[in-house]
Amino acid sequence: MKTKVVILMAGILLISMGAFAMGKKTEKINVAGKCGMCETRIEKAALAIDGVKKADYDLKTKTLTVTFDQKKTSVDGIEKAEAAVGHDTDKYKAEDADYNKLPGCCKYRK
């Protein structure tokens, strides 16, 4: 009897873990940035979005790796947030007013 209870509990645990992981997704997004301040701002903008669990910006490759809950947000929403803080993505260009708020060392447009 004890064995059946343990097997049942293990099954329930595995099913619930699988259901949680189904909404989780990791994507790479190209985001324009130039310095360490950009890296901090880009990661902070992504992490401020409900559903984003992890954000890591690689300054060398200009790539944001983001892990998020697909039920709460999307790549599109994350790209919009990046543009709103002054950083261009492949899909969204930051408004000039937002770009112009960036410190001088962060200006990446020529």
PDB file of N, CA and C in Angstrom:
ATOM      1  N   MET A   1       0.818  -1.191   0.000  1.00  0.00           N
ATOM      2  CA  MET A   1       0.000   0.000   0.000  1.00  0.00           C
ATOM      3  C   MET A   1       0.870   1.267   0.000  1.00  0.00           C
ATOM      4  N   LYS A   2       1.920   1.242   0.828  1.00  0.00           N
ATOM      5  CA  LYS A   2       2.814   2.385   0.902  1.00  0.00           C
ATOM      6  C   LYS A   2       3.449   2.678  -0.463  1.00  0.00           C
ATOM      7  N   THR A   3       3.823   1.644  -1.164  1.00  0.00           N
ATOM      8  CA  THR A   3       4.453   1.798  -2.473  1.00  0.00           C
ATOM      9  C   THR A   3       3.510   2.471  -3.451  1.00  0.00           C
ATOM     10  N   LYS A   4       2.241   2.083  -3.417  1.00  0.00           N
ATOM     11  CA  LYS A   4       1.255   2.691  -4.317  1.00  0.00           C
ATOM     12  C   LYS A   4       1.087   4.176  -4.027  1.00  0.00           C
ATOM     13  N   VAL A   5       1.087   4.549  -2.762  1.00  0.00           N
ATOM     14  CA  VAL A   5       0.952   5.956  -2.373  1.00  0.00           C
ATOM     15  C   VAL A   5       2.164   6.752  -2.866  1.00  0.00           C
ATOM     16  N   VAL A   6       3.355   6.201  -2.694  1.00  0.00           N
ATOM     17  CA  VAL A   6       4.584   6.875  -3.136  1.00  0.00           C
ATOM     18  C   VAL A   6       4.572   7.043  -4.654  1.00  0.00           C
ATOM     19  N   ILE A   7       4.182   6.021  -5.368  1.00  0.00           N
ATOM     20  CA  ILE A   7       4.124   6.092  -6.836  1.00  0.00           C
ATOM     21  C   ILE A   7       3.089   7.116  -7.279  1.00  0.00           C
ATOM     22  N   LEU A   8       1.946   7.130  -6.623  1.00  0.00           N
ATOM     23  CA  LEU A   8       0.899   8.108  -6.937  1.00  0.00           C
ATOM     24  C   LEU A   8       1.388   9.530  -6.688  1.00  0.00           C
ATOM     25  N   MET A   9       2.040   9.765  -5.566  1.00  0.00           N
ATOM     26  CA  MET A   9       2.558  11.105  -5.235  1.00  0.00           C
ATOM     27  C   MET A   9       3.630  11.527  -6.244  1.00  0.00           C
ATOM     28  N   ALA A  10       4.502  10.606  -6.620  1.00  0.00           N
ATOM     29  CA  ALA A  10       5.548  10.915  -7.600  1.00  0.00           C
ATOM     30  C   ALA A  10       4.918  11.274  -8.945  1.00  0.00           C
ATOM     31  N   GLY A  11       3.882  10.556  -9.321  1.00  0.00           N
ATOM     32  CA  GLY A  11       3.179  10.843 -10.575  1.00  0.00           C
ATOM     33  C   GLY A  11       2.545  12.220 -10.563  1.00  0.00           C
ATOM     34  N   ILE A  12       1.905  12.576  -9.473  1.00  0.00           N
ATOM     35  CA  ILE A  12       1.278  13.893  -9.345  1.00  0.00           C
ATOM     36  C   ILE A  12       2.340  14.986  -9.420  1.00  0.00           C
ATOM     37  N   LEU A  13       3.461  14.773  -8.755  1.00  0.00           N
ATOM     38  CA  LEU A  13       4.553  15.747  -8.782  1.00  0.00           C
ATOM     39  C   LEU A  13       5.091  15.940 -10.196  1.00  0.00           C
ATOM     40  N   LEU A  14       5.308  14.864 -10.910  1.00  0.00           N
ATOM     41  CA  LEU A  14       5.811  14.958 -12.284  1.00  0.00           C
ATOM     42  C   LEU A  14       4.822  15.664 -13.210  1.00  0.00           C
ATOM     43  N   ILE A  15       3.564  15.372 -13.065  1.00  0.00           N
ATOM     44  CA  ILE A  15       2.538  16.010 -13.895  1.00  0.00           C
ATOM     45  C   ILE A  15       2.487  17.506 -13.614  1.00  0.00           C
ATOM     46  N   SER A  16       2.531  17.887 -12.346  1.00  0.00           N
ATOM     47  CA  SER A  16       2.461  19.315 -12.014  1.00  0.00           C
ATOM     48  C   SER A  16       3.707  20.048 -12.479  1.00  0.00           C
ATOM     49  N   MET A  17       4.875  19.428 -12.413  1.00  0.00           N
ATOM     50  CA  MET A  17       6.104  20.057 -12.909  1.00  0.00           C
ATOM     51  C   MET A  17       6.036  20.227 -14.417  1.00  0.00           C
ATOM     52  N   GLY A  18       5.511  19.248 -15.102  1.00  0.00           N
ATOM     53  CA  GLY A  18       5.377  19.324 -16.556  1.00  0.00           C
ATOM     54  C   GLY A  18       4.433  20.434 -16.973  1.00  0.00           C
ATOM     55  N   ALA A  19       3.354  20.606 -16.262  1.00  0.00           N
ATOM     56  CA  ALA A  19       2.386  21.658 -16.569  1.00  0.00           C
ATOM     57  C   ALA A  19       3.005  23.030 -16.358  1.00  0.00           C
ATOM     58  N   PHE A  20       3.824  23.180 -15.324  1.00  0.00           N
ATOM     59  CA  PHE A  20       4.483  24.461 -15.058  1.00  0.00           C
ATOM     60  C   PHE A  20       5.483  24.788 -16.159  1.00  0.00           C
ATOM     61  N   ALA A  21       6.252  23.798 -16.592  1.00  0.00           N
ATOM     62  CA  ALA A  21       7.294  24.027 -17.597  1.00  0.00           C
ATOM     63  C   ALA A  21       6.736  24.300 -18.988  1.00  0.00           C
ATOM     64  N   MET A  22       5.489  23.911 -19.252  1.00  0.00           N
ATOM     65  CA  MET A  22       4.927  24.070 -20.592  1.00  0.00           C
ATOM     66  C   MET A  22       4.841  25.537 -21.011  1.00  0.00           C
ATOM     67  N   GLY A  23       4.592  26.451 -20.092  1.00  0.00           N
ATOM     68  CA  GLY A  23       4.460  27.857 -20.440  1.00  0.00           C
ATOM     69  C   GLY A  23       5.784  28.586 -20.486  1.00  0.00           C
ATOM     70  N   LYS A  24       6.847  27.949 -20.050  1.00  0.00           N
ATOM     71  CA  LYS A  24       8.159  28.569 -19.960  1.00  0.00           C
ATOM     72  C   LYS A  24       8.899  28.455 -21.298  1.00  0.00           C
ATOM     73  N   LYS A  25       9.483  29.570 -21.728  1.00  0.00           N
ATOM     74  CA  LYS A  25      10.184  29.575 -23.011  1.00  0.00           C
ATOM     75  C   LYS A  25      11.434  30.443 -22.906  1.00  0.00           C
ATOM     76  N   THR A  26      12.488  30.071 -23.608  1.00  0.00           N
ATOM     77  CA  THR A  26      13.713  30.871 -23.669  1.00  0.00           C
ATOM     78  C   THR A  26      13.950  31.272 -25.115  1.00  0.00           C
ATOM     79  N   GLU A  27      14.197  32.557 -25.323  1.00  0.00           N
ATOM     80  CA  GLU A  27      14.426  33.098 -26.666  1.00  0.00           C
ATOM     81  C   GLU A  27      15.624  34.032 -26.651  1.00  0.00           C
ATOM     82  N   LYS A  28      16.214  34.225 -27.813  1.00  0.00           N
ATOM     83  CA  LYS A  28      17.287  35.195 -28.002  1.00  0.00           C
ATOM     84  C   LYS A  28      16.732  36.334 -28.856  1.00  0.00           C
ATOM     85  N   ILE A  29      17.008  37.564 -28.421  1.00  0.00           N
ATOM     86  CA  ILE A  29      16.509  38.752 -29.112  1.00  0.00           C
ATOM     87  C   ILE A  29      17.685  39.676 -29.379  1.00  0.00           C
ATOM     88  N   ASN A  30      17.812  40.151 -30.609  1.00  0.00           N
ATOM     89  CA  ASN A  30      18.851  41.119 -30.937  1.00  0.00           C
ATOM     90  C   ASN A  30      18.419  42.489 -30.435  1.00  0.00           C
ATOM     91  N   VAL A  31      19.284  43.109 -29.608  1.00  0.00           N
ATOM     92  CA  VAL A  31      18.996  44.417 -29.037  1.00  0.00           C
ATOM     93  C   VAL A  31      20.258  45.268 -29.158  1.00  0.00           C
ATOM     94  N   ALA A  32      20.119  46.478 -29.716  1.00  0.00           N
ATOM     95  CA  ALA A  32      21.263  47.370 -29.872  1.00  0.00           C
ATOM     96  C   ALA A  32      21.685  47.914 -28.516  1.00  0.00           C
ATOM     97  N   GLY A  33      22.980  47.862 -28.255  1.00  0.00           N
ATOM     98  CA  GLY A  33      23.546  48.384 -27.022  1.00  0.00           C
ATOM     99  C   GLY A  33      25.039  48.565 -27.210  1.00  0.00           C
ATOM    100  N   LYS A  34      25.636  49.356 -26.333  1.00  0.00           N
ATOM    101  CA  LYS A  34      27.030  49.721 -26.556  1.00  0.00           C
ATOM    102  C   LYS A  34      27.934  49.553 -25.338  1.00  0.00           C
ATOM    103  N   CYS A  35      27.375  49.633 -24.128  1.00  0.00           N
ATOM    104  CA  CYS A  35      28.235  49.624 -22.950  1.00  0.00           C
ATOM    105  C   CYS A  35      27.567  48.884 -21.788  1.00  0.00           C
ATOM    106  N   GLY A  36      28.251  48.879 -20.666  1.00  0.00           N
ATOM    107  CA  GLY A  36      27.732  48.217 -19.482  1.00  0.00           C
ATOM    108  C   GLY A  36      26.440  48.831 -18.969  1.00  0.00           C
ATOM    109  N   MET A  37      26.301  50.155 -19.116  1.00  0.00           N
ATOM    110  CA  MET A  37      25.051  50.796 -18.704  1.00  0.00           C
ATOM    111  C   MET A  37      23.898  50.306 -19.569  1.00  0.00           C
ATOM    112  N   CYS A  38      24.167  50.113 -20.848  1.00  0.00           N
ATOM    113  CA  CYS A  38      23.145  49.574 -21.760  1.00  0.00           C
ATOM    114  C   CYS A  38      22.742  48.175 -21.303  1.00  0.00           C
ATOM    115  N   GLU A  39      23.731  47.365 -20.979  1.00  0.00           N
ATOM    116  CA  GLU A  39      23.463  45.995 -20.534  1.00  0.00           C
ATOM    117  C   GLU A  39      22.523  45.998 -19.334  1.00  0.00           C
ATOM    118  N   THR A  40      22.820  46.837 -18.361  1.00  0.00           N
ATOM    119  CA  THR A  40      21.987  46.931 -17.164  1.00  0.00           C
ATOM    120  C   THR A  40      20.575  47.381 -17.511  1.00  0.00           C
ATOM    121  N   ARG A  41      20.445  48.409 -18.343  1.00  0.00           N
ATOM    122  CA  ARG A  41      19.141  48.956 -18.722  1.00  0.00           C
ATOM    123  C   ARG A  41      18.319  47.929 -19.500  1.00  0.00           C
ATOM    124  N   ILE A  42      18.954  47.224 -20.426  1.00  0.00           N
ATOM    125  CA  ILE A  42      18.273  46.223 -21.262  1.00  0.00           C
ATOM    126  C   ILE A  42      17.744  45.078 -20.395  1.00  0.00           C
ATOM    127  N   GLU A  43      18.577  44.566 -19.497  1.00  0.00           N
ATOM    128  CA  GLU A  43      18.145  43.479 -18.615  1.00  0.00           C
ATOM    129  C   GLU A  43      17.034  43.953 -17.676  1.00  0.00           C
ATOM    130  N   LYS A  44      17.182  45.154 -17.137  1.00  0.00           N
ATOM    131  CA  LYS A  44      16.175  45.695 -16.216  1.00  0.00           C
ATOM    132  C   LYS A  44      14.822  45.864 -16.912  1.00  0.00           C
ATOM    133  N   ALA A  45      14.833  46.343 -18.159  1.00  0.00           N
ATOM    134  CA  ALA A  45      13.578  46.520 -18.913  1.00  0.00           C
ATOM    135  C   ALA A  45      12.885  45.182 -19.129  1.00  0.00           C
ATOM    136  N   ALA A  46      13.649  44.152 -19.438  1.00  0.00           N
ATOM    137  CA  ALA A  46      13.053  42.829 -19.653  1.00  0.00           C
ATOM    138  C   ALA A  46      12.499  42.270 -18.345  1.00  0.00           C
ATOM    139  N   LEU A  47      13.266  42.381 -17.274  1.00  0.00           N
ATOM    140  CA  LEU A  47      12.846  41.821 -15.990  1.00  0.00           C
ATOM    141  C   LEU A  47      11.648  42.551 -15.385  1.00  0.00           C
ATOM    142  N   ALA A  48      11.398  43.768 -15.827  1.00  0.00           N
ATOM    143  CA  ALA A  48      10.248  44.528 -15.322  1.00  0.00           C
ATOM    144  C   ALA A  48       8.924  44.020 -15.888  1.00  0.00           C
ATOM    145  N   ILE A  49       8.985  43.192 -16.907  1.00  0.00           N
ATOM    146  CA  ILE A  49       7.779  42.666 -17.544  1.00  0.00           C
ATOM    147  C   ILE A  49       7.268  41.454 -16.760  1.00  0.00           C
ATOM    148  N   ASP A  50       5.981  41.468 -16.452  1.00  0.00           N
ATOM    149  CA  ASP A  50       5.366  40.353 -15.750  1.00  0.00           C
ATOM    150  C   ASP A  50       5.517  39.087 -16.583  1.00  0.00           C
ATOM    151  N   GLY A  51       6.069  38.052 -15.989  1.00  0.00           N
ATOM    152  CA  GLY A  51       6.252  36.783 -16.685  1.00  0.00           C
ATOM    153  C   GLY A  51       7.688  36.518 -17.091  1.00  0.00           C
ATOM    154  N   VAL A  52       8.536  37.543 -17.109  1.00  0.00           N
ATOM    155  CA  VAL A  52       9.944  37.334 -17.448  1.00  0.00           C
ATOM    156  C   VAL A  52      10.653  36.830 -16.202  1.00  0.00           C
ATOM    157  N   LYS A  53      11.287  35.686 -16.334  1.00  0.00           N
ATOM    158  CA  LYS A  53      11.946  35.040 -15.199  1.00  0.00           C
ATOM    159  C   LYS A  53      13.445  35.324 -15.168  1.00  0.00           C
ATOM    160  N   LYS A  54      14.049  35.458 -16.350  1.00  0.00           N
ATOM    161  CA  LYS A  54      15.495  35.614 -16.429  1.00  0.00           C
ATOM    162  C   LYS A  54      15.837  36.416 -17.675  1.00  0.00           C
ATOM    163  N   ALA A  55      16.831  37.311 -17.557  1.00  0.00           N
ATOM    164  CA  ALA A  55      17.281  38.102 -18.701  1.00  0.00           C
ATOM    165  C   ALA A  55      18.790  38.285 -18.606  1.00  0.00           C
ATOM    166  N   ASP A  56      19.489  37.974 -19.687  1.00  0.00           N
ATOM    167  CA  ASP A  56      20.945  38.121 -19.712  1.00  0.00           C
ATOM    168  C   ASP A  56      21.342  38.704 -21.064  1.00  0.00           C
ATOM    169  N   TYR A  57      21.978  39.886 -21.029  1.00  0.00           N
ATOM    170  CA  TYR A  57      22.389  40.560 -22.254  1.00  0.00           C
ATOM    171  C   TYR A  57      23.871  40.326 -22.486  1.00  0.00           C
ATOM    172  N   ASP A  58      24.218  39.876 -23.685  1.00  0.00           N
ATOM    173  CA  ASP A  58      25.617  39.681 -24.086  1.00  0.00           C
ATOM    174  C   ASP A  58      26.021  40.874 -24.932  1.00  0.00           C
ATOM    175  N   LEU A  59      26.866  41.716 -24.380  1.00  0.00           N
ATOM    176  CA  LEU A  59      27.277  42.952 -25.036  1.00  0.00           C
ATOM    177  C   LEU A  59      28.052  42.692 -26.327  1.00  0.00           C
ATOM    178  N   LYS A  60      28.840  41.623 -26.357  1.00  0.00           N
ATOM    179  CA  LYS A  60      29.632  41.310 -27.558  1.00  0.00           C
ATOM    180  C   LYS A  60      28.741  40.923 -28.740  1.00  0.00           C
ATOM    181  N   THR A  61      27.736  40.097 -28.488  1.00  0.00           N
ATOM    182  CA  THR A  61      26.889  39.624 -29.580  1.00  0.00           C
ATOM    183  C   THR A  61      25.627  40.469 -29.745  1.00  0.00           C
ATOM    184  N   LYS A  62      25.403  41.400 -28.802  1.00  0.00           N
ATOM    185  CA  LYS A  62      24.207  42.267 -28.812  1.00  0.00           C
ATOM    186  C   LYS A  62      22.928  41.428 -28.758  1.00  0.00           C
ATOM    187  N   THR A  63      22.982  40.359 -27.940  1.00  0.00           N
ATOM    188  CA  THR A  63      21.868  39.424 -27.844  1.00  0.00           C
ATOM    189  C   THR A  63      21.350  39.337 -26.414  1.00  0.00           C
ATOM    190  N   LEU A  64      20.044  39.481 -26.268  1.00  0.00           N
ATOM    191  CA  LEU A  64      19.372  39.310 -24.989  1.00  0.00           C
ATOM    192  C   LEU A  64      18.778  37.903 -24.960  1.00  0.00           C
ATOM    193  N   THR A  65      19.199  37.110 -23.988  1.00  0.00           N
ATOM    194  CA  THR A  65      18.616  35.789 -23.784  1.00  0.00           C
ATOM    195  C   THR A  65      17.626  35.938 -22.642  1.00  0.00           C
ATOM    196  N   VAL A  66      16.373  35.623 -22.930  1.00  0.00           N
ATOM    197  CA  VAL A  66      15.310  35.864 -21.965  1.00  0.00           C
ATOM    198  C   VAL A  66      14.457  34.610 -21.788  1.00  0.00           C
ATOM    199  N   THR A  67      14.164  34.295 -20.533  1.00  0.00           N
ATOM    200  CA  THR A  67      13.288  33.171 -20.201  1.00  0.00           C
ATOM    201  C   THR A  67      12.014  33.762 -19.626  1.00  0.00           C
ATOM    202  N   PHE A  68      10.875  33.349 -20.177  1.00  0.00           N
ATOM    203  CA  PHE A  68       9.607  33.958 -19.793  1.00  0.00           C
ATOM    204  C   PHE A  68       8.460  32.967 -19.863  1.00  0.00           C
ATOM    205  N   ASP A  69       7.362  33.348 -19.223  1.00  0.00           N
ATOM    206  CA  ASP A  69       6.138  32.560 -19.230  1.00  0.00           C
ATOM    207  C   ASP A  69       5.298  33.031 -20.421  1.00  0.00           C
ATOM    208  N   GLN A  70       5.100  32.159 -21.386  1.00  0.00           N
ATOM    209  CA  GLN A  70       4.355  32.497 -22.602  1.00  0.00           C
ATOM    210  C   GLN A  70       2.907  32.882 -22.336  1.00  0.00           C
ATOM    211  N   LYS A  71       2.387  32.483 -21.191  1.00  0.00           N
ATOM    212  CA  LYS A  71       1.009  32.822 -20.848  1.00  0.00           C
ATOM    213  C   LYS A  71       0.890  34.270 -20.393  1.00  0.00           C
ATOM    214  N   LYS A  72       2.020  34.876 -19.988  1.00  0.00           N
ATOM    215  CA  LYS A  72       1.993  36.234 -19.463  1.00  0.00           C
ATOM    216  C   LYS A  72       2.580  37.278 -20.406  1.00  0.00           C
ATOM    217  N   THR A  73       3.527  36.885 -21.254  1.00  0.00           N
ATOM    218  CA  THR A  73       4.143  37.846 -22.178  1.00  0.00           C
ATOM    219  C   THR A  73       4.639  37.124 -23.422  1.00  0.00           C
ATOM    220  N   SER A  74       5.252  37.894 -24.316  1.00  0.00           N
ATOM    221  CA  SER A  74       5.734  37.342 -25.583  1.00  0.00           C
ATOM    222  C   SER A  74       7.027  38.054 -25.992  1.00  0.00           C
ATOM    223  N   VAL A  75       7.675  37.521 -27.014  1.00  0.00           N
ATOM    224  CA  VAL A  75       8.873  38.172 -27.549  1.00  0.00           C
ATOM    225  C   VAL A  75       8.512  39.575 -28.026  1.00  0.00           C
ATOM    226  N   ASP A  76       7.362  39.705 -28.645  1.00  0.00           N
ATOM    227  CA  ASP A  76       6.906  41.001 -29.132  1.00  0.00           C
ATOM    228  C   ASP A  76       6.808  42.019 -27.986  1.00  0.00           C
ATOM    229  N   GLY A  77       6.235  41.605 -26.875  1.00  0.00           N
ATOM    230  CA  GLY A  77       6.103  42.487 -25.714  1.00  0.00           C
ATOM    231  C   GLY A  77       7.453  42.882 -25.142  1.00  0.00           C
ATOM    232  N   ILE A  78       8.384  41.947 -25.143  1.00  0.00           N
ATOM    233  CA  ILE A  78       9.726  42.222 -24.631  1.00  0.00           C
ATOM    234  C   ILE A  78      10.446  43.197 -25.560  1.00  0.00           C
ATOM    235  N   GLU A  79      10.315  42.993 -26.867  1.00  0.00           N
ATOM    236  CA  GLU A  79      10.951  43.905 -27.823  1.00  0.00           C
ATOM    237  C   GLU A  79      10.384  45.317 -27.701  1.00  0.00           C
ATOM    238  N   LYS A  80       9.082  45.445 -27.485  1.00  0.00           N
ATOM    239  CA  LYS A  80       8.470  46.766 -27.297  1.00  0.00           C
ATOM    240  C   LYS A  80       9.031  47.451 -26.054  1.00  0.00           C
ATOM    241  N   ALA A  81       9.228  46.692 -24.990  1.00  0.00           N
ATOM    242  CA  ALA A  81       9.774  47.251 -23.753  1.00  0.00           C
ATOM    243  C   ALA A  81      11.202  47.748 -23.958  1.00  0.00           C
ATOM    244  N   GLU A  82      11.975  47.024 -24.750  1.00  0.00           N
ATOM    245  CA  GLU A  82      13.354  47.446 -25.029  1.00  0.00           C
ATOM    246  C   GLU A  82      13.366  48.747 -25.835  1.00  0.00           C
ATOM    247  N   ALA A  83      12.501  48.832 -26.811  1.00  0.00           N
ATOM    248  CA  ALA A  83      12.415  50.052 -27.618  1.00  0.00           C
ATOM    249  C   ALA A  83      11.970  51.236 -26.763  1.00  0.00           C
ATOM    250  N   ALA A  84      11.115  50.984 -25.792  1.00  0.00           N
ATOM    251  CA  ALA A  84      10.602  52.050 -24.927  1.00  0.00           C
ATOM    252  C   ALA A  84      11.697  52.660 -24.045  1.00  0.00           C
ATOM    253  N   VAL A  85      12.768  51.897 -23.779  1.00  0.00           N
ATOM    254  CA  VAL A  85      13.869  52.443 -22.975  1.00  0.00           C
ATOM    255  C   VAL A  85      15.024  52.921 -23.851  1.00  0.00           C
ATOM    256  N   GLY A  86      14.794  52.966 -25.182  1.00  0.00           N
ATOM    257  CA  GLY A  86      15.780  53.556 -26.085  1.00  0.00           C
ATOM    258  C   GLY A  86      16.631  52.601 -26.888  1.00  0.00           C
ATOM    259  N   HIS A  87      16.328  51.316 -26.845  1.00  0.00           N
ATOM    260  CA  HIS A  87      17.161  50.325 -27.549  1.00  0.00           C
ATOM    261  C   HIS A  87      16.405  49.668 -28.694  1.00  0.00           C
ATOM    262  N   ASP A  88      16.978  49.763 -29.893  1.00  0.00           N
ATOM    263  CA  ASP A  88      16.384  49.156 -31.077  1.00  0.00           C
ATOM    264  C   ASP A  88      16.469  47.634 -31.010  1.00  0.00           C
ATOM    265  N   THR A  89      15.460  46.979 -31.568  1.00  0.00           N
ATOM    266  CA  THR A  89      15.473  45.527 -31.756  1.00  0.00           C
ATOM    267  C   THR A  89      15.267  45.284 -33.244  1.00  0.00           C
ATOM    268  N   ASP A  90      15.271  44.027 -33.645  1.00  0.00           N
ATOM    269  CA  ASP A  90      15.042  43.732 -35.071  1.00  0.00           C
ATOM    270  C   ASP A  90      13.659  44.204 -35.517  1.00  0.00           C
ATOM    271  N   LYS A  91      12.689  44.141 -34.634  1.00  0.00           N
ATOM    272  CA  LYS A  91      11.314  44.446 -35.007  1.00  0.00           C
ATOM    273  C   LYS A  91      10.881  45.878 -34.678  1.00  0.00           C
ATOM    274  N   TYR A  92      11.444  46.462 -33.607  1.00  0.00           N
ATOM    275  CA  TYR A  92      11.018  47.788 -33.171  1.00  0.00           C
ATOM    276  C   TYR A  92      12.206  48.738 -33.042  1.00  0.00           C
ATOM    277  N   LYS A  93      12.066  49.915 -33.622  1.00  0.00           N
ATOM    278  CA  LYS A  93      13.067  50.961 -33.478  1.00  0.00           C
ATOM    279  C   LYS A  93      12.594  51.893 -32.363  1.00  0.00           C
ATOM    280  N   ALA A  94      13.512  52.247 -31.465  1.00  0.00           N
ATOM    281  CA  ALA A  94      13.170  53.155 -30.375  1.00  0.00           C
ATOM    282  C   ALA A  94      12.778  54.513 -30.942  1.00  0.00           C
ATOM    283  N   GLU A  95      11.789  55.138 -30.335  1.00  0.00           N
ATOM    284  CA  GLU A  95      11.409  56.506 -30.717  1.00  0.00           C
ATOM    285  C   GLU A  95      12.618  57.405 -30.479  1.00  0.00           C
ATOM    286  N   ASP A  96      12.774  58.424 -31.315  1.00  0.00           N
ATOM    287  CA  ASP A  96      13.903  59.340 -31.166  1.00  0.00           C
ATOM    288  C   ASP A  96      13.943  59.953 -29.774  1.00  0.00           C
ATOM    289  N   ALA A  97      12.794  60.301 -29.221  1.00  0.00           N
ATOM    290  CA  ALA A  97      12.744  60.904 -27.885  1.00  0.00           C
ATOM    291  C   ALA A  97      13.307  59.942 -26.831  1.00  0.00           C
ATOM    292  N   ASP A  98      12.997  58.648 -26.952  1.00  0.00           N
ATOM    293  CA  ASP A  98      13.511  57.661 -25.999  1.00  0.00           C
ATOM    294  C   ASP A  98      15.008  57.446 -26.211  1.00  0.00           C
ATOM    295  N   TYR A  99      15.427  57.367 -27.470  1.00  0.00           N
ATOM    296  CA  TYR A  99      16.850  57.191 -27.780  1.00  0.00           C
ATOM    297  C   TYR A  99      17.662  58.377 -27.270  1.00  0.00           C
ATOM    298  N   ASN A 100      17.151  59.567 -27.450  1.00  0.00           N
ATOM    299  CA  ASN A 100      17.879  60.774 -27.054  1.00  0.00           C
ATOM    300  C   ASN A 100      18.028  60.910 -25.546  1.00  0.00           C
ATOM    301  N   LYS A 101      17.240  60.182 -24.761  1.00  0.00           N
ATOM    302  CA  LYS A 101      17.368  60.190 -23.308  1.00  0.00           C
ATOM    303  C   LYS A 101      18.566  59.362 -22.829  1.00  0.00           C
ATOM    304  N   LEU A 102      19.106  58.520 -23.713  1.00  0.00           N
ATOM    305  CA  LEU A 102      20.237  57.678 -23.325  1.00  0.00           C
ATOM    306  C   LEU A 102      21.468  58.537 -23.060  1.00  0.00           C
ATOM    307  N   PRO A 103      22.325  58.142 -22.104  1.00  0.00           N
ATOM    308  CA  PRO A 103      23.585  58.858 -21.885  1.00  0.00           C
ATOM    309  C   PRO A 103      24.447  58.789 -23.140  1.00  0.00           C
ATOM    310  N   GLY A 104      25.387  59.697 -23.269  1.00  0.00           N
ATOM    311  CA  GLY A 104      26.241  59.777 -24.452  1.00  0.00           C
ATOM    312  C   GLY A 104      26.966  58.475 -24.774  1.00  0.00           C
ATOM    313  N   CYS A 105      27.444  57.764 -23.727  1.00  0.00           N
ATOM    314  CA  CYS A 105      28.187  56.529 -23.968  1.00  0.00           C
ATOM    315  C   CYS A 105      27.304  55.413 -24.509  1.00  0.00           C
ATOM    316  N   CYS A 106      25.995  55.599 -24.428  1.00  0.00           N
ATOM    317  CA  CYS A 106      25.045  54.564 -24.855  1.00  0.00           C
ATOM    318  C   CYS A 106      24.520  54.786 -26.275  1.00  0.00           C
ATOM    319  N   LYS A 107      24.891  55.885 -26.900  1.00  0.00           N
ATOM    320  CA  LYS A 107      24.386  56.199 -28.239  1.00  0.00           C
ATOM    321  C   LYS A 107      25.044  55.228 -29.242  1.00  0.00           C
ATOM    322  N   TYR A 108      24.243  54.402 -29.849  1.00  0.00           N
ATOM    323  CA  TYR A 108      24.743  53.388 -30.769  1.00  0.00           C
ATOM    324  C   TYR A 108      24.434  53.691 -32.225  1.00  0.00           C
ATOM    325  N   ARG A 109      23.573  54.631 -32.483  1.00  0.00           N
ATOM    326  CA  ARG A 109      23.225  54.985 -33.871  1.00  0.00           C
ATOM    327  C   ARG A 109      24.286  55.915 -34.426  1.00  0.00           C
ATOM    328  N   LYS A 110      24.514  55.794 -35.722  1.00  0.00           N
ATOM    329  CA  LYS A 110      25.513  56.670 -36.364  1.00  0.00           C
ATOM    330  C   LYS A 110      24.860  57.792 -37.081  1.00  0.00           C
TER     331      LYS A 110
END
